[in-house]
Amino acid sequence: MQNSAKRLMHDAVICGYKLRVYYTHDNSMAYATGVDVEKAYEATQDCDLGILYLIPHKKIDTKDWALIIHGNNDDELISDHVVGGFIDRWSSETDYGQESMSREFKQRESI
């Protein structure tokens, strides 16, 4: 069983996104924008409920986010996410991180 949240972060960085994490209880930033998957993931663990935002390297207006809830099984850490964005397409492509991204998906989704 793959850790869906870590896998999402890893794959998003590969496709050119930066990561940002906020605490849900007070909307404060837990991890400033960067590409360190381990630090971003740790930030979601610090608060049990974290909101992961994907920030494109290029100037693209996007509101791609996922709600990460620790306490669920590893393959069910992504509790909710925006519809129609990278995370939505990634979840369909990888069965929420249980399968690897195809080369075609990486090429199509890279920004």
PDB file of N, CA and C in Angstrom:
ATOM      1  N   MET A   1       0.848  -1.169   0.000  1.00  0.00           N
ATOM      2  CA  MET A   1       0.000   0.000   0.000  1.00  0.00           C
ATOM      3  C   MET A   1       0.899   1.241   0.000  1.00  0.00           C
ATOM      4  N   GLN A   2       0.731   2.079  -1.002  1.00  0.00           N
ATOM      5  CA  GLN A   2       1.524   3.297  -1.139  1.00  0.00           C
ATOM      6  C   GLN A   2       0.915   4.427  -0.306  1.00  0.00           C
ATOM      7  N   ASN A   3       1.766   5.311   0.171  1.00  0.00           N
ATOM      8  CA  ASN A   3       1.322   6.501   0.887  1.00  0.00           C
ATOM      9  C   ASN A   3       0.857   7.516  -0.159  1.00  0.00           C
ATOM     10  N   SER A   4      -0.438   7.723  -0.250  1.00  0.00           N
ATOM     11  CA  SER A   4      -1.001   8.556  -1.319  1.00  0.00           C
ATOM     12  C   SER A   4      -0.553  10.007  -1.235  1.00  0.00           C
ATOM     13  N   ALA A   5      -0.436  10.554  -0.045  1.00  0.00           N
ATOM     14  CA  ALA A   5      -0.050  11.967   0.094  1.00  0.00           C
ATOM     15  C   ALA A   5       1.396  12.193  -0.340  1.00  0.00           C
ATOM     16  N   LYS A   6       2.290  11.340   0.120  1.00  0.00           N
ATOM     17  CA  LYS A   6       3.700  11.467  -0.272  1.00  0.00           C
ATOM     18  C   LYS A   6       3.859  11.258  -1.771  1.00  0.00           C
ATOM     19  N   ARG A   7       3.146  10.298  -2.292  1.00  0.00           N
ATOM     20  CA  ARG A   7       3.234   9.998  -3.716  1.00  0.00           C
ATOM     21  C   ARG A   7       2.732  11.173  -4.548  1.00  0.00           C
ATOM     22  N   LEU A   8       1.636  11.790  -4.111  1.00  0.00           N
ATOM     23  CA  LEU A   8       1.115  12.974  -4.800  1.00  0.00           C
ATOM     24  C   LEU A   8       2.164  14.085  -4.789  1.00  0.00           C
ATOM     25  N   MET A   9       2.754  14.349  -3.642  1.00  0.00           N
ATOM     26  CA  MET A   9       3.756  15.411  -3.537  1.00  0.00           C
ATOM     27  C   MET A   9       4.944  15.131  -4.452  1.00  0.00           C
ATOM     28  N   HIS A  10       5.422  13.909  -4.425  1.00  0.00           N
ATOM     29  CA  HIS A  10       6.558  13.512  -5.261  1.00  0.00           C
ATOM     30  C   HIS A  10       6.238  13.698  -6.743  1.00  0.00           C
ATOM     31  N   ASP A  11       5.094  13.190  -7.167  1.00  0.00           N
ATOM     32  CA  ASP A  11       4.725  13.266  -8.572  1.00  0.00           C
ATOM     33  C   ASP A  11       4.465  14.708  -9.012  1.00  0.00           C
ATOM     34  N   ALA A  12       3.886  15.514  -8.137  1.00  0.00           N
ATOM     35  CA  ALA A  12       3.636  16.923  -8.464  1.00  0.00           C
ATOM     36  C   ALA A  12       4.950  17.670  -8.672  1.00  0.00           C
ATOM     37  N   VAL A  13       5.934  17.399  -7.821  1.00  0.00           N
ATOM     38  CA  VAL A  13       7.254  18.035  -7.974  1.00  0.00           C
ATOM     39  C   VAL A  13       7.882  17.607  -9.299  1.00  0.00           C
ATOM     40  N   ILE A  14       7.784  16.337  -9.643  1.00  0.00           N
ATOM     41  CA  ILE A  14       8.318  15.838 -10.918  1.00  0.00           C
ATOM     42  C   ILE A  14       7.669  16.574 -12.094  1.00  0.00           C
ATOM     43  N   CYS A  15       6.386  16.889 -11.970  1.00  0.00           N
ATOM     44  CA  CYS A  15       5.664  17.560 -13.055  1.00  0.00           C
ATOM     45  C   CYS A  15       5.843  19.082 -13.032  1.00  0.00           C
ATOM     46  N   GLY A  16       6.627  19.598 -12.090  1.00  0.00           N
ATOM     47  CA  GLY A  16       6.955  21.019 -12.111  1.00  0.00           C
ATOM     48  C   GLY A  16       6.247  21.891 -11.099  1.00  0.00           C
ATOM     49  N   TYR A  17       5.539  21.308 -10.161  1.00  0.00           N
ATOM     50  CA  TYR A  17       4.851  22.090  -9.143  1.00  0.00           C
ATOM     51  C   TYR A  17       5.726  22.266  -7.906  1.00  0.00           C
ATOM     52  N   LYS A  18       5.465  23.342  -7.179  1.00  0.00           N
ATOM     53  CA  LYS A  18       6.017  23.538  -5.846  1.00  0.00           C
ATOM     54  C   LYS A  18       4.915  23.187  -4.853  1.00  0.00           C
ATOM     55  N   LEU A  19       5.309  22.901  -3.627  1.00  0.00           N
ATOM     56  CA  LEU A  19       4.374  22.487  -2.589  1.00  0.00           C
ATOM     57  C   LEU A  19       4.239  23.580  -1.542  1.00  0.00           C
ATOM     58  N   ARG A  20       3.046  23.701  -0.981  1.00  0.00           N
ATOM     59  CA  ARG A  20       2.806  24.607   0.138  1.00  0.00           C
ATOM     60  C   ARG A  20       1.770  23.930   1.032  1.00  0.00           C
ATOM     61  N   VAL A  21       1.972  23.986   2.357  1.00  0.00           N
ATOM     62  CA  VAL A  21       1.061  23.325   3.293  1.00  0.00           C
ATOM     63  C   VAL A  21       0.567  24.336   4.329  1.00  0.00           C
ATOM     64  N   TYR A  22      -0.727  24.287   4.579  1.00  0.00           N
ATOM     65  CA  TYR A  22      -1.346  25.119   5.615  1.00  0.00           C
ATOM     66  C   TYR A  22      -1.991  24.228   6.658  1.00  0.00           C
ATOM     67  N   TYR A  23      -2.015  24.718   7.916  1.00  0.00           N
ATOM     68  CA  TYR A  23      -2.777  24.066   8.973  1.00  0.00           C
ATOM     69  C   TYR A  23      -4.254  24.395   8.771  1.00  0.00           C
ATOM     70  N   THR A  24      -5.125  23.433   9.011  1.00  0.00           N
ATOM     71  CA  THR A  24      -6.554  23.686   8.828  1.00  0.00           C
ATOM     72  C   THR A  24      -7.159  24.436  10.009  1.00  0.00           C
ATOM     73  N   HIS A  25      -6.612  24.259  11.197  1.00  0.00           N
ATOM     74  CA  HIS A  25      -7.257  24.860  12.377  1.00  0.00           C
ATOM     75  C   HIS A  25      -7.129  26.379  12.438  1.00  0.00           C
ATOM     76  N   ASP A  26      -6.070  26.956  11.873  1.00  0.00           N
ATOM     77  CA  ASP A  26      -5.934  28.416  11.915  1.00  0.00           C
ATOM     78  C   ASP A  26      -5.477  29.015  10.585  1.00  0.00           C
ATOM     79  N   ASN A  27      -5.395  28.194   9.549  1.00  0.00           N
ATOM     80  CA  ASN A  27      -5.005  28.621   8.206  1.00  0.00           C
ATOM     81  C   ASN A  27      -3.618  29.261   8.158  1.00  0.00           C
ATOM     82  N   SER A  28      -2.747  28.895   9.091  1.00  0.00           N
ATOM     83  CA  SER A  28      -1.378  29.408   9.046  1.00  0.00           C
ATOM     84  C   SER A  28      -0.517  28.483   8.183  1.00  0.00           C
ATOM     85  N   MET A  29       0.535  29.053   7.608  1.00  0.00           N
ATOM     86  CA  MET A  29       1.397  28.272   6.726  1.00  0.00           C
ATOM     87  C   MET A  29       2.289  27.345   7.556  1.00  0.00           C
ATOM     88  N   ALA A  30       2.274  26.074   7.206  1.00  0.00           N
ATOM     89  CA  ALA A  30       3.085  25.074   7.899  1.00  0.00           C
ATOM     90  C   ALA A  30       4.364  24.754   7.132  1.00  0.00           C
ATOM     91  N   TYR A  31       4.320  24.880   5.824  1.00  0.00           N
ATOM     92  CA  TYR A  31       5.484  24.667   4.965  1.00  0.00           C
ATOM     93  C   TYR A  31       5.421  25.701   3.852  1.00  0.00           C
ATOM     94  N   ALA A  32       6.429  26.560   3.832  1.00  0.00           N
ATOM     95  CA  ALA A  32       6.488  27.589   2.792  1.00  0.00           C
ATOM     96  C   ALA A  32       6.771  26.932   1.448  1.00  0.00           C
ATOM     97  N   THR A  33       6.481  27.619   0.409  1.00  0.00           N
ATOM     98  CA  THR A  33       6.593  27.088  -0.947  1.00  0.00           C
ATOM     99  C   THR A  33       7.979  26.509  -1.224  1.00  0.00           C
ATOM    100  N   GLY A  34       8.007  25.253  -1.655  1.00  0.00           N
ATOM    101  CA  GLY A  34       9.259  24.581  -1.980  1.00  0.00           C
ATOM    102  C   GLY A  34       9.009  23.233  -2.617  1.00  0.00           C
ATOM    103  N   VAL A  35      10.080  22.466  -2.787  1.00  0.00           N
ATOM    104  CA  VAL A  35       9.980  21.161  -3.435  1.00  0.00           C
ATOM    105  C   VAL A  35      10.490  20.018  -2.555  1.00  0.00           C
ATOM    106  N   ASP A  36      10.628  20.252  -1.272  1.00  0.00           N
ATOM    107  CA  ASP A  36      11.103  19.225  -0.340  1.00  0.00           C
ATOM    108  C   ASP A  36       9.903  18.390   0.121  1.00  0.00           C
ATOM    109  N   VAL A  37       9.750  17.234  -0.495  1.00  0.00           N
ATOM    110  CA  VAL A  37       8.598  16.370  -0.212  1.00  0.00           C
ATOM    111  C   VAL A  37       8.572  15.953   1.251  1.00  0.00           C
ATOM    112  N   GLU A  38       9.703  15.588   1.819  1.00  0.00           N
ATOM    113  CA  GLU A  38       9.742  15.137   3.218  1.00  0.00           C
ATOM    114  C   GLU A  38       9.293  16.234   4.173  1.00  0.00           C
ATOM    115  N   LYS A  39       9.792  17.449   3.976  1.00  0.00           N
ATOM    116  CA  LYS A  39       9.409  18.557   4.861  1.00  0.00           C
ATOM    117  C   LYS A  39       7.938  18.919   4.692  1.00  0.00           C
ATOM    118  N   ALA A  40       7.456  18.911   3.478  1.00  0.00           N
ATOM    119  CA  ALA A  40       6.042  19.206   3.245  1.00  0.00           C
ATOM    120  C   ALA A  40       5.164  18.138   3.888  1.00  0.00           C
ATOM    121  N   TYR A  41       5.562  16.879   3.749  1.00  0.00           N
ATOM    122  CA  TYR A  41       4.783  15.792   4.332  1.00  0.00           C
ATOM    123  C   TYR A  41       4.796  15.883   5.859  1.00  0.00           C
ATOM    124  N   GLU A  42       5.961  16.167   6.424  1.00  0.00           N
ATOM    125  CA  GLU A  42       6.053  16.335   7.879  1.00  0.00           C
ATOM    126  C   GLU A  42       5.133  17.449   8.364  1.00  0.00           C
ATOM    127  N   ALA A  43       5.032  18.518   7.585  1.00  0.00           N
ATOM    128  CA  ALA A  43       4.139  19.618   7.960  1.00  0.00           C
ATOM    129  C   ALA A  43       2.693  19.156   8.021  1.00  0.00           C
ATOM    130  N   THR A  44       2.279  18.259   7.132  1.00  0.00           N
ATOM    131  CA  THR A  44       0.904  17.743   7.195  1.00  0.00           C
ATOM    132  C   THR A  44       0.731  16.843   8.406  1.00  0.00           C
ATOM    133  N   GLN A  45       1.790  16.174   8.842  1.00  0.00           N
ATOM    134  CA  GLN A  45       1.707  15.313  10.025  1.00  0.00           C
ATOM    135  C   GLN A  45       1.632  16.116  11.313  1.00  0.00           C
ATOM    136  N   ASP A  46       2.256  17.276  11.314  1.00  0.00           N
ATOM    137  CA  ASP A  46       2.274  18.110  12.514  1.00  0.00           C
ATOM    138  C   ASP A  46       0.884  18.542  12.943  1.00  0.00           C
ATOM    139  N   CYS A  47      -0.032  18.611  12.009  1.00  0.00           N
ATOM    140  CA  CYS A  47      -1.354  19.150  12.332  1.00  0.00           C
ATOM    141  C   CYS A  47      -2.483  18.141  12.145  1.00  0.00           C
ATOM    142  N   ASP A  48      -2.173  16.931  11.751  1.00  0.00           N
ATOM    143  CA  ASP A  48      -3.159  15.878  11.493  1.00  0.00           C
ATOM    144  C   ASP A  48      -4.072  16.181  10.302  1.00  0.00           C
ATOM    145  N   LEU A  49      -4.480  17.432  10.144  1.00  0.00           N
ATOM    146  CA  LEU A  49      -5.280  17.859   8.996  1.00  0.00           C
ATOM    147  C   LEU A  49      -4.517  18.981   8.318  1.00  0.00           C
ATOM    148  N   GLY A  50      -3.997  18.702   7.146  1.00  0.00           N
ATOM    149  CA  GLY A  50      -3.249  19.719   6.421  1.00  0.00           C
ATOM    150  C   GLY A  50      -3.824  19.931   5.043  1.00  0.00           C
ATOM    151  N   ILE A  51      -3.703  21.153   4.559  1.00  0.00           N
ATOM    152  CA  ILE A  51      -4.132  21.446   3.196  1.00  0.00           C
ATOM    153  C   ILE A  51      -2.879  21.631   2.352  1.00  0.00           C
ATOM    154  N   LEU A  52      -2.739  20.784   1.355  1.00  0.00           N
ATOM    155  CA  LEU A  52      -1.625  20.853   0.427  1.00  0.00           C
ATOM    156  C   LEU A  52      -2.060  21.651  -0.791  1.00  0.00           C
ATOM    157  N   TYR A  53      -1.293  22.691  -1.109  1.00  0.00           N
ATOM    158  CA  TYR A  53      -1.512  23.453  -2.335  1.00  0.00           C
ATOM    159  C   TYR A  53      -0.391  23.139  -3.303  1.00  0.00           C
ATOM    160  N   LEU A  54      -0.730  22.996  -4.575  1.00  0.00           N
ATOM    161  CA  LEU A  54       0.263  22.836  -5.626  1.00  0.00           C
ATOM    162  C   LEU A  54       0.419  24.183  -6.321  1.00  0.00           C
ATOM    163  N   ILE A  55       1.645  24.669  -6.332  1.00  0.00           N
ATOM    164  CA  ILE A  55       1.946  25.978  -6.891  1.00  0.00           C
ATOM    165  C   ILE A  55       2.763  25.766  -8.163  1.00  0.00           C
ATOM    166  N   PRO A  56       2.269  26.201  -9.311  1.00  0.00           N
ATOM    167  CA  PRO A  56       3.030  26.016 -10.545  1.00  0.00           C
ATOM    168  C   PRO A  56       4.264  26.921 -10.568  1.00  0.00           C
ATOM    169  N   HIS A  57       5.350  26.436 -11.160  1.00  0.00           N
ATOM    170  CA  HIS A  57       6.562  27.241 -11.318  1.00  0.00           C
ATOM    171  C   HIS A  57       6.295  28.415 -12.241  1.00  0.00           C
ATOM    172  N   LYS A  58       5.482  28.182 -13.263  1.00  0.00           N
ATOM    173  CA  LYS A  58       5.113  29.238 -14.201  1.00  0.00           C
ATOM    174  C   LYS A  58       3.904  29.978 -13.653  1.00  0.00           C
ATOM    175  N   LYS A  59       3.692  31.183 -14.116  1.00  0.00           N
ATOM    176  CA  LYS A  59       2.542  31.980 -13.688  1.00  0.00           C
ATOM    177  C   LYS A  59       1.270  31.437 -14.339  1.00  0.00           C
ATOM    178  N   ILE A  60       0.605  30.556 -13.639  1.00  0.00           N
ATOM    179  CA  ILE A  60      -0.665  30.000 -14.089  1.00  0.00           C
ATOM    180  C   ILE A  60      -1.640  30.150 -12.925  1.00  0.00           C
ATOM    181  N   ASP A  61      -2.813  30.664 -13.188  1.00  0.00           N
ATOM    182  CA  ASP A  61      -3.800  30.813 -12.122  1.00  0.00           C
ATOM    183  C   ASP A  61      -4.371  29.435 -11.801  1.00  0.00           C
ATOM    184  N   THR A  62      -4.043  28.945 -10.638  1.00  0.00           N
ATOM    185  CA  THR A  62      -4.516  27.621 -10.248  1.00  0.00           C
ATOM    186  C   THR A  62      -4.904  27.616  -8.778  1.00  0.00           C
ATOM    187  N   LYS A  63      -5.854  26.815  -8.462  1.00  0.00           N
ATOM    188  CA  LYS A  63      -6.297  26.649  -7.077  1.00  0.00           C
ATOM    189  C   LYS A  63      -6.291  25.161  -6.745  1.00  0.00           C
ATOM    190  N   ASP A  64      -5.231  24.470  -7.113  1.00  0.00           N
ATOM    191  CA  ASP A  64      -5.156  23.020  -6.913  1.00  0.00           C
ATOM    192  C   ASP A  64      -4.773  22.719  -5.468  1.00  0.00           C
ATOM    193  N   TRP A  65      -5.622  22.000  -4.763  1.00  0.00           N
ATOM    194  CA  TRP A  65      -5.371  21.685  -3.368  1.00  0.00           C
ATOM    195  C   TRP A  65      -5.924  20.296  -3.033  1.00  0.00           C
ATOM    196  N   ALA A  66      -5.382  19.753  -1.940  1.00  0.00           N
ATOM    197  CA  ALA A  66      -5.882  18.481  -1.413  1.00  0.00           C
ATOM    198  C   ALA A  66      -5.890  18.554   0.106  1.00  0.00           C
ATOM    199  N   LEU A  67      -6.887  17.967   0.718  1.00  0.00           N
ATOM    200  CA  LEU A  67      -6.974  17.862   2.167  1.00  0.00           C
ATOM    201  C   LEU A  67      -6.336  16.541   2.578  1.00  0.00           C
ATOM    202  N   ILE A  68      -5.304  16.621   3.412  1.00  0.00           N
ATOM    203  CA  ILE A  68      -4.588  15.429   3.876  1.00  0.00           C
ATOM    204  C   ILE A  68      -5.008  15.160   5.325  1.00  0.00           C
ATOM    205  N   ILE A  69      -5.548  13.972   5.579  1.00  0.00           N
ATOM    206  CA  ILE A  69      -5.984  13.615   6.927  1.00  0.00           C
ATOM    207  C   ILE A  69      -5.177  12.409   7.401  1.00  0.00           C
ATOM    208  N   HIS A  70      -4.335  12.642   8.396  1.00  0.00           N
ATOM    209  CA  HIS A  70      -3.574  11.540   8.987  1.00  0.00           C
ATOM    210  C   HIS A  70      -4.478  10.799   9.959  1.00  0.00           C
ATOM    211  N   GLY A  71      -4.273   9.524  10.063  1.00  0.00           N
ATOM    212  CA  GLY A  71      -5.151   8.663  10.837  1.00  0.00           C
ATOM    213  C   GLY A  71      -5.899   7.715   9.914  1.00  0.00           C
ATOM    214  N   ASN A  72      -6.042   8.107   8.660  1.00  0.00           N
ATOM    215  CA  ASN A  72      -6.599   7.195   7.649  1.00  0.00           C
ATOM    216  C   ASN A  72      -5.515   6.230   7.206  1.00  0.00           C
ATOM    217  N   ASN A  73      -5.894   5.187   6.494  1.00  0.00           N
ATOM    218  CA  ASN A  73      -4.904   4.287   5.900  1.00  0.00           C
ATOM    219  C   ASN A  73      -4.037   5.066   4.925  1.00  0.00           C
ATOM    220  N   ASP A  74      -2.819   4.576   4.679  1.00  0.00           N
ATOM    221  CA  ASP A  74      -1.888   5.275   3.800  1.00  0.00           C
ATOM    222  C   ASP A  74      -2.470   5.577   2.425  1.00  0.00           C
ATOM    223  N   ASP A  75      -3.277   4.669   1.902  1.00  0.00           N
ATOM    224  CA  ASP A  75      -3.842   4.892   0.573  1.00  0.00           C
ATOM    225  C   ASP A  75      -5.078   5.789   0.605  1.00  0.00           C
ATOM    226  N   GLU A  76      -5.484   6.238   1.808  1.00  0.00           N
ATOM    227  CA  GLU A  76      -6.671   7.081   1.948  1.00  0.00           C
ATOM    228  C   GLU A  76      -6.365   8.411   2.636  1.00  0.00           C
ATOM    229  N   LEU A  77      -5.095   8.844   2.603  1.00  0.00           N
ATOM    230  CA  LEU A  77      -4.730  10.097   3.253  1.00  0.00           C
ATOM    231  C   LEU A  77      -5.318  11.310   2.564  1.00  0.00           C
ATOM    232  N   ILE A  78      -5.514  11.235   1.253  1.00  0.00           N
ATOM    233  CA  ILE A  78      -6.108  12.343   0.510  1.00  0.00           C
ATOM    234  C   ILE A  78      -7.619  12.222   0.676  1.00  0.00           C
ATOM    235  N   SER A  79      -8.171  13.113   1.489  1.00  0.00           N
ATOM    236  CA  SER A  79      -9.582  13.024   1.830  1.00  0.00           C
ATOM    237  C   SER A  79     -10.469  13.771   0.850  1.00  0.00           C
ATOM    238  N   ASP A  80      -9.969  14.870   0.346  1.00  0.00           N
ATOM    239  CA  ASP A  80     -10.747  15.702  -0.562  1.00  0.00           C
ATOM    240  C   ASP A  80      -9.760  16.453  -1.442  1.00  0.00           C
ATOM    241  N   HIS A  81     -10.202  16.882  -2.614  1.00  0.00           N
ATOM    242  CA  HIS A  81      -9.340  17.674  -3.491  1.00  0.00           C
ATOM    243  C   HIS A  81     -10.195  18.416  -4.496  1.00  0.00           C
ATOM    244  N   VAL A  82      -9.589  19.412  -5.129  1.00  0.00           N
ATOM    245  CA  VAL A  82     -10.289  20.199  -6.136  1.00  0.00           C
ATOM    246  C   VAL A  82     -10.565  19.315  -7.358  1.00  0.00           C
ATOM    247  N   VAL A  83     -11.680  19.556  -8.009  1.00  0.00           N
ATOM    248  CA  VAL A  83     -12.060  18.790  -9.191  1.00  0.00           C
ATOM    249  C   VAL A  83     -11.552  19.506 -10.441  1.00  0.00           C
ATOM    250  N   GLY A  84     -10.989  18.742 -11.358  1.00  0.00           N
ATOM    251  CA  GLY A  84     -10.588  19.289 -12.650  1.00  0.00           C
ATOM    252  C   GLY A  84      -9.144  19.743 -12.747  1.00  0.00           C
ATOM    253  N   GLY A  85      -8.399  19.704 -11.655  1.00  0.00           N
ATOM    254  CA  GLY A  85      -7.004  20.126 -11.670  1.00  0.00           C
ATOM    255  C   GLY A  85      -6.049  18.952 -11.766  1.00  0.00           C
ATOM    256  N   PHE A  86      -4.775  19.239 -11.562  1.00  0.00           N
ATOM    257  CA  PHE A  86      -3.746  18.201 -11.622  1.00  0.00           C
ATOM    258  C   PHE A  86      -4.051  17.059 -10.661  1.00  0.00           C
ATOM    259  N   ILE A  87      -4.424  17.388  -9.428  1.00  0.00           N
ATOM    260  CA  ILE A  87      -4.653  16.342  -8.421  1.00  0.00           C
ATOM    261  C   ILE A  87      -5.774  15.407  -8.857  1.00  0.00           C
ATOM    262  N   ASP A  88      -6.815  15.951  -9.418  1.00  0.00           N
ATOM    263  CA  ASP A  88      -7.931  15.142  -9.902  1.00  0.00           C
ATOM    264  C   ASP A  88      -7.470  14.207 -11.022  1.00  0.00           C
ATOM    265  N   ARG A  89      -6.733  14.753 -11.979  1.00  0.00           N
ATOM    266  CA  ARG A  89      -6.234  13.928 -13.092  1.00  0.00           C
ATOM    267  C   ARG A  89      -5.231  12.899 -12.586  1.00  0.00           C
ATOM    268  N   TRP A  90      -4.352  13.306 -11.646  1.00  0.00           N
ATOM    269  CA  TRP A  90      -3.358  12.396 -11.070  1.00  0.00           C
ATOM    270  C   TRP A  90      -4.044  11.240 -10.343  1.00  0.00           C
ATOM    271  N   SER A  91      -5.093  11.553  -9.582  1.00  0.00           N
ATOM    272  CA  SER A  91      -5.774  10.499  -8.818  1.00  0.00           C
ATOM    273  C   SER A  91      -6.389   9.450  -9.741  1.00  0.00           C
ATOM    274  N   SER A  92      -6.920   9.887 -10.871  1.00  0.00           N
ATOM    275  CA  SER A  92      -7.467   8.932 -11.845  1.00  0.00           C
ATOM    276  C   SER A  92      -6.359   8.128 -12.510  1.00  0.00           C
ATOM    277  N   GLU A  93      -5.254   8.791 -12.842  1.00  0.00           N
ATOM    278  CA  GLU A  93      -4.117   8.144 -13.510  1.00  0.00           C
ATOM    279  C   GLU A  93      -3.452   7.090 -12.617  1.00  0.00           C
ATOM    280  N   THR A  94      -3.330   7.389 -11.322  1.00  0.00           N
ATOM    281  CA  THR A  94      -2.522   6.537 -10.437  1.00  0.00           C
ATOM    282  C   THR A  94      -3.329   5.772  -9.396  1.00  0.00           C
ATOM    283  N   ASP A  95      -4.650   5.846  -9.450  1.00  0.00           N
ATOM    284  CA  ASP A  95      -5.502   5.254  -8.411  1.00  0.00           C
ATOM    285  C   ASP A  95      -5.048   5.759  -7.040  1.00  0.00           C
ATOM    286  N   TYR A  96      -4.986   7.092  -6.927  1.00  0.00           N
ATOM    287  CA  TYR A  96      -4.547   7.769  -5.699  1.00  0.00           C
ATOM    288  C   TYR A  96      -3.178   7.274  -5.230  1.00  0.00           C
ATOM    289  N   GLY A  97      -2.259   7.213  -6.168  1.00  0.00           N
ATOM    290  CA  GLY A  97      -0.874   6.904  -5.832  1.00  0.00           C
ATOM    291  C   GLY A  97      -0.539   5.437  -5.714  1.00  0.00           C
ATOM    292  N   GLN A  98      -1.469   4.566  -6.007  1.00  0.00           N
ATOM    293  CA  GLN A  98      -1.196   3.134  -5.896  1.00  0.00           C
ATOM    294  C   GLN A  98      -0.507   2.592  -7.143  1.00  0.00           C
ATOM    295  N   GLU A  99      -0.576   3.337  -8.232  1.00  0.00           N
ATOM    296  CA  GLU A  99       0.105   2.992  -9.482  1.00  0.00           C
ATOM    297  C   GLU A  99       1.041   4.139  -9.847  1.00  0.00           C
ATOM    298  N   SER A 100       2.006   3.873 -10.685  1.00  0.00           N
ATOM    299  CA  SER A 100       2.937   4.910 -11.139  1.00  0.00           C
ATOM    300  C   SER A 100       2.321   5.718 -12.273  1.00  0.00           C
ATOM    301  N   MET A 101       2.769   6.972 -12.391  1.00  0.00           N
ATOM    302  CA  MET A 101       2.347   7.801 -13.524  1.00  0.00           C
ATOM    303  C   MET A 101       2.958   7.228 -14.800  1.00  0.00           C
ATOM    304  N   SER A 102       2.214   7.283 -15.875  1.00  0.00           N
ATOM    305  CA  SER A 102       2.765   6.860 -17.155  1.00  0.00           C
ATOM    306  C   SER A 102       3.654   7.970 -17.712  1.00  0.00           C
ATOM    307  N   ARG A 103       4.532   7.611 -18.614  1.00  0.00           N
ATOM    308  CA  ARG A 103       5.398   8.597 -19.268  1.00  0.00           C
ATOM    309  C   ARG A 103       4.544   9.635 -20.000  1.00  0.00           C
ATOM    310  N   GLU A 104       3.477   9.175 -20.632  1.00  0.00           N
ATOM    311  CA  GLU A 104       2.593  10.076 -21.364  1.00  0.00           C
ATOM    312  C   GLU A 104       1.941  11.088 -20.426  1.00  0.00           C
ATOM    313  N   PHE A 105       1.522  10.629 -19.262  1.00  0.00           N
ATOM    314  CA  PHE A 105       0.898  11.529 -18.278  1.00  0.00           C
ATOM    315  C   PHE A 105       1.920  12.576 -17.827  1.00  0.00           C
ATOM    316  N   LYS A 106       3.144  12.156 -17.506  1.00  0.00           N
ATOM    317  CA  LYS A 106       4.186  13.107 -17.086  1.00  0.00           C
ATOM    318  C   LYS A 106       4.419  14.159 -18.151  1.00  0.00           C
ATOM    319  N   GLN A 107       4.515  13.731 -19.396  1.00  0.00           N
ATOM    320  CA  GLN A 107       4.753  14.674 -20.491  1.00  0.00           C
ATOM    321  C   GLN A 107       3.581  15.638 -20.652  1.00  0.00           C
ATOM    322  N   ARG A 108       2.387  15.119 -20.563  1.00  0.00           N
ATOM    323  CA  ARG A 108       1.184  15.938 -20.747  1.00  0.00           C
ATOM    324  C   ARG A 108       0.991  16.918 -19.591  1.00  0.00           C
ATOM    325  N   GLU A 109       1.315  16.501 -18.373  1.00  0.00           N
ATOM    326  CA  GLU A 109       1.039  17.302 -17.191  1.00  0.00           C
ATOM    327  C   GLU A 109       2.188  18.205 -16.752  1.00  0.00           C
ATOM    328  N   SER A 110       3.370  18.002 -17.283  1.00  0.00           N
ATOM    329  CA  SER A 110       4.512  18.824 -16.878  1.00  0.00           C
ATOM    330  C   SER A 110       4.286  20.267 -17.294  1.00  0.00           C
ATOM    331  N   ILE A 111       4.587  21.161 -16.359  1.00  0.00           N
ATOM    332  CA  ILE A 111       4.393  22.591 -16.645  1.00  0.00           C
ATOM    333  C   ILE A 111       5.726  23.300 -16.745  1.00  0.00           C
TER     334      ILE A 111
END
